[in-house]
């Protein structure tokens, strides 16, 4: 947008020498803005799928002896806890196997 405004100014308002300077300056600023935008969008990878759940804390909805359900990030998941735990216990997700979370008490 800045480039288009500078181009219109160069054609209709400014003398030819200043018009060239304004158009080149606007083009440089637009390219810098695009470069910063690309860098900003690629600065970190989005955590998706099962990898996003590993390390997250949840709460056991029912008893886990060893199977049961846990609530993680507002969603109820099937879970397995080898050591077992009572309902309401805070748990940490260790791994994801299919649709079952491997958890341990926090």
N, C-alpha and C. Protein backbone atom coordinates (compact mmCIF):
# COMPACT_ATOMS: atom_id res chain seq x y z
N UNK A 1 0.82 -1.18 0.00
CA UNK A 1 0.00 0.00 0.00
C UNK A 1 0.87 1.26 0.00
N UNK A 2 1.93 1.22 0.81
CA UNK A 2 2.84 2.36 0.87
C UNK A 2 3.46 2.63 -0.50
N UNK A 3 3.79 1.58 -1.20
CA UNK A 3 4.39 1.73 -2.53
C UNK A 3 3.42 2.41 -3.49
N UNK A 4 2.15 2.01 -3.44
CA UNK A 4 1.16 2.61 -4.34
C UNK A 4 0.96 4.09 -4.04
N UNK A 5 0.91 4.45 -2.76
CA UNK A 5 0.78 5.86 -2.39
C UNK A 5 1.99 6.65 -2.89
N UNK A 6 3.18 6.10 -2.70
CA UNK A 6 4.40 6.78 -3.16
C UNK A 6 4.40 6.92 -4.67
N UNK A 7 3.93 5.92 -5.37
CA UNK A 7 3.88 5.97 -6.83
C UNK A 7 2.91 7.07 -7.30
N UNK A 8 1.76 7.16 -6.67
CA UNK A 8 0.80 8.21 -7.01
C UNK A 8 1.36 9.60 -6.71
N UNK A 9 2.04 9.73 -5.56
CA UNK A 9 2.67 11.01 -5.24
C UNK A 9 3.73 11.37 -6.27
N UNK A 10 4.51 10.38 -6.67
CA UNK A 10 5.58 10.63 -7.64
C UNK A 10 5.03 11.06 -8.99
N UNK A 11 3.92 10.49 -9.39
CA UNK A 11 3.36 10.81 -10.70
C UNK A 11 2.65 12.17 -10.70
N UNK A 12 1.86 12.43 -9.65
CA UNK A 12 0.98 13.61 -9.69
C UNK A 12 1.45 14.81 -8.87
N UNK A 13 2.29 14.64 -7.86
CA UNK A 13 2.57 15.73 -6.95
C UNK A 13 4.04 16.15 -6.95
N UNK A 14 4.93 15.22 -6.79
CA UNK A 14 6.35 15.54 -6.57
C UNK A 14 7.10 15.77 -7.88
N UNK A 15 8.17 16.59 -7.81
CA UNK A 15 9.05 16.71 -8.98
C UNK A 15 9.74 15.37 -9.26
N UNK A 16 10.24 15.18 -10.47
CA UNK A 16 10.75 13.88 -10.89
C UNK A 16 11.87 13.35 -10.01
N UNK A 17 12.80 14.20 -9.55
CA UNK A 17 13.90 13.72 -8.72
C UNK A 17 13.39 13.19 -7.39
N UNK A 18 12.54 13.94 -6.74
CA UNK A 18 11.99 13.49 -5.46
C UNK A 18 11.03 12.32 -5.64
N UNK A 19 10.37 12.27 -6.75
CA UNK A 19 9.48 11.15 -7.02
C UNK A 19 10.21 9.83 -7.06
N UNK A 20 11.37 9.82 -7.68
CA UNK A 20 12.19 8.60 -7.74
C UNK A 20 12.64 8.20 -6.35
N UNK A 21 13.09 9.18 -5.56
CA UNK A 21 13.55 8.90 -4.20
C UNK A 21 12.41 8.32 -3.35
N UNK A 22 11.23 8.91 -3.45
CA UNK A 22 10.08 8.43 -2.66
C UNK A 22 9.66 7.03 -3.09
N UNK A 23 9.64 6.74 -4.37
CA UNK A 23 9.24 5.42 -4.85
C UNK A 23 10.25 4.36 -4.41
N UNK A 24 11.54 4.65 -4.54
CA UNK A 24 12.57 3.69 -4.12
C UNK A 24 12.50 3.47 -2.60
N UNK A 25 12.33 4.56 -1.84
CA UNK A 25 12.23 4.43 -0.38
C UNK A 25 11.02 3.60 0.04
N UNK A 26 9.89 3.82 -0.61
CA UNK A 26 8.69 3.05 -0.31
C UNK A 26 8.87 1.58 -0.67
N UNK A 27 9.54 1.31 -1.78
CA UNK A 27 9.78 -0.09 -2.18
C UNK A 27 10.68 -0.79 -1.17
N UNK A 28 11.71 -0.09 -0.69
CA UNK A 28 12.61 -0.67 0.31
C UNK A 28 11.84 -0.96 1.59
N UNK A 29 11.02 -0.01 2.04
CA UNK A 29 10.24 -0.23 3.26
C UNK A 29 9.25 -1.38 3.10
N UNK A 30 8.61 -1.48 1.94
CA UNK A 30 7.68 -2.59 1.71
C UNK A 30 8.40 -3.93 1.74
N UNK A 31 9.57 -4.02 1.10
CA UNK A 31 10.34 -5.27 1.12
C UNK A 31 10.80 -5.62 2.53
N UNK A 32 11.21 -4.62 3.31
CA UNK A 32 11.61 -4.86 4.70
C UNK A 32 10.42 -5.36 5.51
N UNK A 33 9.26 -4.78 5.29
CA UNK A 33 8.06 -5.21 6.01
C UNK A 33 7.70 -6.66 5.68
N UNK A 34 7.83 -7.03 4.41
CA UNK A 34 7.56 -8.41 4.01
C UNK A 34 8.57 -9.36 4.65
N UNK A 35 9.83 -8.98 4.66
CA UNK A 35 10.86 -9.82 5.28
C UNK A 35 10.62 -10.02 6.76
N UNK A 36 10.28 -8.96 7.48
CA UNK A 36 10.00 -9.07 8.91
C UNK A 36 8.75 -9.93 9.14
N UNK A 37 7.74 -9.77 8.30
CA UNK A 37 6.53 -10.59 8.43
C UNK A 37 6.80 -12.06 8.23
N UNK A 38 7.61 -12.41 7.25
CA UNK A 38 7.97 -13.82 7.03
C UNK A 38 8.79 -14.37 8.19
N UNK A 39 9.74 -13.59 8.67
CA UNK A 39 10.55 -14.04 9.81
C UNK A 39 9.67 -14.25 11.03
N UNK A 40 8.76 -13.33 11.30
CA UNK A 40 7.90 -13.40 12.48
C UNK A 40 7.00 -14.63 12.43
N UNK A 41 6.49 -14.97 11.25
CA UNK A 41 5.57 -16.10 11.15
C UNK A 41 6.27 -17.45 11.26
N UNK A 42 7.59 -17.49 10.98
CA UNK A 42 8.32 -18.76 11.04
C UNK A 42 9.19 -18.89 12.27
N UNK A 43 9.03 -18.04 13.26
CA UNK A 43 9.94 -18.05 14.41
C UNK A 43 9.79 -19.27 15.30
N UNK A 44 8.64 -19.91 15.29
CA UNK A 44 8.48 -21.15 16.06
C UNK A 44 7.47 -22.03 15.37
N UNK A 45 7.61 -23.30 15.58
CA UNK A 45 6.69 -24.25 14.97
C UNK A 45 5.48 -24.44 15.89
N UNK A 46 4.33 -24.61 15.29
CA UNK A 46 3.12 -24.85 16.05
C UNK A 46 3.12 -26.29 16.55
N UNK A 47 2.79 -26.46 17.82
CA UNK A 47 2.69 -27.79 18.39
C UNK A 47 1.30 -28.33 18.09
N UNK A 48 1.24 -29.42 17.35
CA UNK A 48 -0.04 -30.01 16.97
C UNK A 48 0.01 -31.51 17.21
N UNK A 49 -1.15 -32.10 17.28
CA UNK A 49 -1.25 -33.55 17.45
C UNK A 49 -0.85 -33.99 18.84
N UNK A 50 -0.36 -35.21 18.91
CA UNK A 50 0.01 -35.79 20.21
C UNK A 50 1.16 -35.09 20.88
N UNK A 51 2.06 -34.49 20.10
CA UNK A 51 3.21 -33.80 20.67
C UNK A 51 2.79 -32.63 21.55
N UNK A 52 1.65 -32.03 21.26
CA UNK A 52 1.19 -30.88 22.02
C UNK A 52 0.71 -31.28 23.41
N UNK A 53 0.38 -32.56 23.62
CA UNK A 53 -0.15 -32.99 24.92
C UNK A 53 0.93 -33.48 25.88
N UNK A 54 2.07 -33.88 25.38
CA UNK A 54 3.12 -34.41 26.26
C UNK A 54 3.63 -33.30 27.17
N UNK A 55 3.60 -33.58 28.48
CA UNK A 55 4.05 -32.61 29.47
C UNK A 55 2.95 -31.74 30.04
N UNK A 56 1.74 -31.85 29.49
CA UNK A 56 0.62 -31.04 29.95
C UNK A 56 0.01 -31.68 31.20
N UNK A 57 -0.46 -30.84 32.11
CA UNK A 57 -1.06 -31.31 33.35
C UNK A 57 -2.57 -31.44 33.17
N UNK A 58 -3.14 -32.47 33.76
CA UNK A 58 -4.58 -32.69 33.72
C UNK A 58 -5.07 -33.20 35.06
N UNK A 59 -6.34 -33.57 35.11
CA UNK A 59 -6.96 -34.07 36.34
C UNK A 59 -7.65 -35.38 36.04
N UNK A 60 -7.48 -36.35 36.93
CA UNK A 60 -8.15 -37.64 36.76
C UNK A 60 -9.64 -37.47 37.02
N UNK A 61 -10.47 -37.85 36.04
CA UNK A 61 -11.92 -37.73 36.18
C UNK A 61 -12.43 -38.85 37.07
N UNK A 62 -11.90 -40.03 36.89
CA UNK A 62 -12.26 -41.18 37.70
C UNK A 62 -10.99 -41.85 38.18
N UNK A 63 -11.15 -42.97 38.87
CA UNK A 63 -9.96 -43.71 39.33
C UNK A 63 -9.20 -44.28 38.14
N UNK A 64 -7.90 -44.27 38.22
CA UNK A 64 -7.04 -44.85 37.19
C UNK A 64 -6.33 -46.06 37.80
N UNK A 65 -6.96 -47.25 37.68
CA UNK A 65 -6.36 -48.47 38.24
C UNK A 65 -6.35 -49.55 37.19
N UNK A 66 -5.60 -49.64 36.22
CA UNK A 66 -4.71 -48.63 35.66
C UNK A 66 -5.38 -47.77 34.60
N UNK A 67 -6.59 -48.19 34.11
CA UNK A 67 -7.24 -47.42 33.05
C UNK A 67 -8.35 -46.55 33.61
N UNK A 68 -8.62 -45.45 32.91
CA UNK A 68 -9.68 -44.54 33.31
C UNK A 68 -9.72 -43.35 32.37
N UNK A 69 -10.20 -42.23 32.90
CA UNK A 69 -10.29 -41.03 32.09
C UNK A 69 -9.66 -39.84 32.81
N UNK A 70 -9.09 -38.94 32.02
CA UNK A 70 -8.51 -37.71 32.55
C UNK A 70 -9.03 -36.53 31.73
N UNK A 71 -9.04 -35.36 32.37
CA UNK A 71 -9.43 -34.14 31.68
C UNK A 71 -8.18 -33.31 31.46
N UNK A 72 -7.83 -33.08 30.18
CA UNK A 72 -6.64 -32.32 29.81
C UNK A 72 -7.08 -31.22 28.84
N UNK A 73 -6.74 -29.98 29.16
CA UNK A 73 -7.10 -28.83 28.32
C UNK A 73 -8.59 -28.79 28.00
N UNK A 74 -9.42 -29.15 28.97
CA UNK A 74 -10.87 -29.09 28.78
C UNK A 74 -11.46 -30.26 28.03
N UNK A 75 -10.65 -31.25 27.66
CA UNK A 75 -11.13 -32.42 26.93
C UNK A 75 -10.93 -33.66 27.78
N UNK A 76 -11.86 -34.59 27.68
CA UNK A 76 -11.75 -35.85 28.43
C UNK A 76 -11.12 -36.90 27.52
N UNK A 77 -10.04 -37.53 28.02
CA UNK A 77 -9.28 -38.53 27.27
C UNK A 77 -9.27 -39.84 28.03
N UNK A 78 -9.15 -40.94 27.27
CA UNK A 78 -8.87 -42.23 27.87
C UNK A 78 -7.43 -42.19 28.35
N UNK A 79 -7.17 -42.74 29.52
CA UNK A 79 -5.81 -42.66 30.06
C UNK A 79 -5.43 -43.96 30.75
N UNK A 80 -4.12 -44.12 30.87
CA UNK A 80 -3.56 -45.29 31.56
C UNK A 80 -2.47 -44.80 32.49
N UNK A 81 -2.57 -45.20 33.75
CA UNK A 81 -1.58 -44.83 34.76
C UNK A 81 -1.09 -46.12 35.41
N UNK A 82 0.16 -46.49 35.15
CA UNK A 82 0.69 -47.77 35.66
C UNK A 82 0.68 -47.83 37.18
N UNK A 83 0.97 -46.73 37.84
CA UNK A 83 0.96 -46.72 39.31
C UNK A 83 -0.42 -46.56 39.89
N UNK A 84 -1.35 -46.10 39.09
CA UNK A 84 -2.72 -45.88 39.54
C UNK A 84 -2.84 -44.59 40.35
N UNK A 85 -4.05 -44.04 40.37
CA UNK A 85 -4.33 -42.85 41.19
C UNK A 85 -5.82 -42.70 41.38
N UNK A 86 -6.19 -41.90 42.35
CA UNK A 86 -7.59 -41.66 42.69
C UNK A 86 -8.19 -40.56 41.81
N UNK A 87 -9.51 -40.46 41.82
CA UNK A 87 -10.20 -39.39 41.09
C UNK A 87 -9.82 -38.04 41.69
N UNK A 88 -9.65 -37.04 40.83
CA UNK A 88 -9.29 -35.69 41.28
C UNK A 88 -7.81 -35.46 41.42
N UNK A 89 -7.00 -36.49 41.21
CA UNK A 89 -5.55 -36.36 41.31
C UNK A 89 -5.02 -35.63 40.08
N UNK A 90 -4.07 -34.75 40.29
CA UNK A 90 -3.41 -34.05 39.19
C UNK A 90 -2.43 -35.00 38.52
N UNK A 91 -2.47 -35.08 37.20
CA UNK A 91 -1.61 -36.00 36.45
C UNK A 91 -0.88 -35.25 35.35
N UNK A 92 0.25 -35.82 34.91
CA UNK A 92 1.04 -35.25 33.82
C UNK A 92 1.08 -36.27 32.69
N UNK A 93 0.89 -35.81 31.47
CA UNK A 93 0.89 -36.69 30.29
C UNK A 93 2.34 -37.03 29.93
N UNK A 94 2.66 -38.32 29.86
CA UNK A 94 4.00 -38.79 29.50
C UNK A 94 4.11 -39.12 28.02
N UNK A 95 3.06 -39.70 27.46
CA UNK A 95 3.09 -40.12 26.06
C UNK A 95 1.67 -40.26 25.55
N UNK A 96 1.55 -40.34 24.23
CA UNK A 96 0.26 -40.55 23.60
C UNK A 96 0.38 -41.79 22.72
N UNK A 97 -0.50 -42.77 22.97
CA UNK A 97 -0.52 -43.99 22.17
C UNK A 97 -1.92 -44.13 21.59
N UNK A 98 -2.05 -43.78 20.30
CA UNK A 98 -3.37 -43.77 19.68
C UNK A 98 -4.21 -42.68 20.32
N UNK A 99 -5.36 -43.08 20.90
CA UNK A 99 -6.22 -42.13 21.60
C UNK A 99 -6.14 -42.30 23.11
N UNK A 100 -5.12 -42.98 23.59
CA UNK A 100 -4.93 -43.19 25.02
C UNK A 100 -3.69 -42.44 25.50
N UNK A 101 -3.84 -41.73 26.61
CA UNK A 101 -2.72 -40.99 27.17
C UNK A 101 -2.06 -41.81 28.27
N UNK A 102 -0.75 -41.87 28.25
CA UNK A 102 0.02 -42.49 29.34
C UNK A 102 0.31 -41.37 30.34
N UNK A 103 -0.16 -41.51 31.57
CA UNK A 103 -0.02 -40.45 32.56
C UNK A 103 0.63 -40.98 33.83
N UNK A 104 1.09 -40.03 34.66
CA UNK A 104 1.56 -40.37 36.01
C UNK A 104 1.13 -39.25 36.93
N UNK A 105 0.94 -39.55 38.21
CA UNK A 105 0.54 -38.48 39.15
C UNK A 105 1.60 -37.37 39.20
N UNK A 106 1.11 -36.14 39.28
CA UNK A 106 2.03 -34.99 39.30
C UNK A 106 2.59 -34.77 40.68
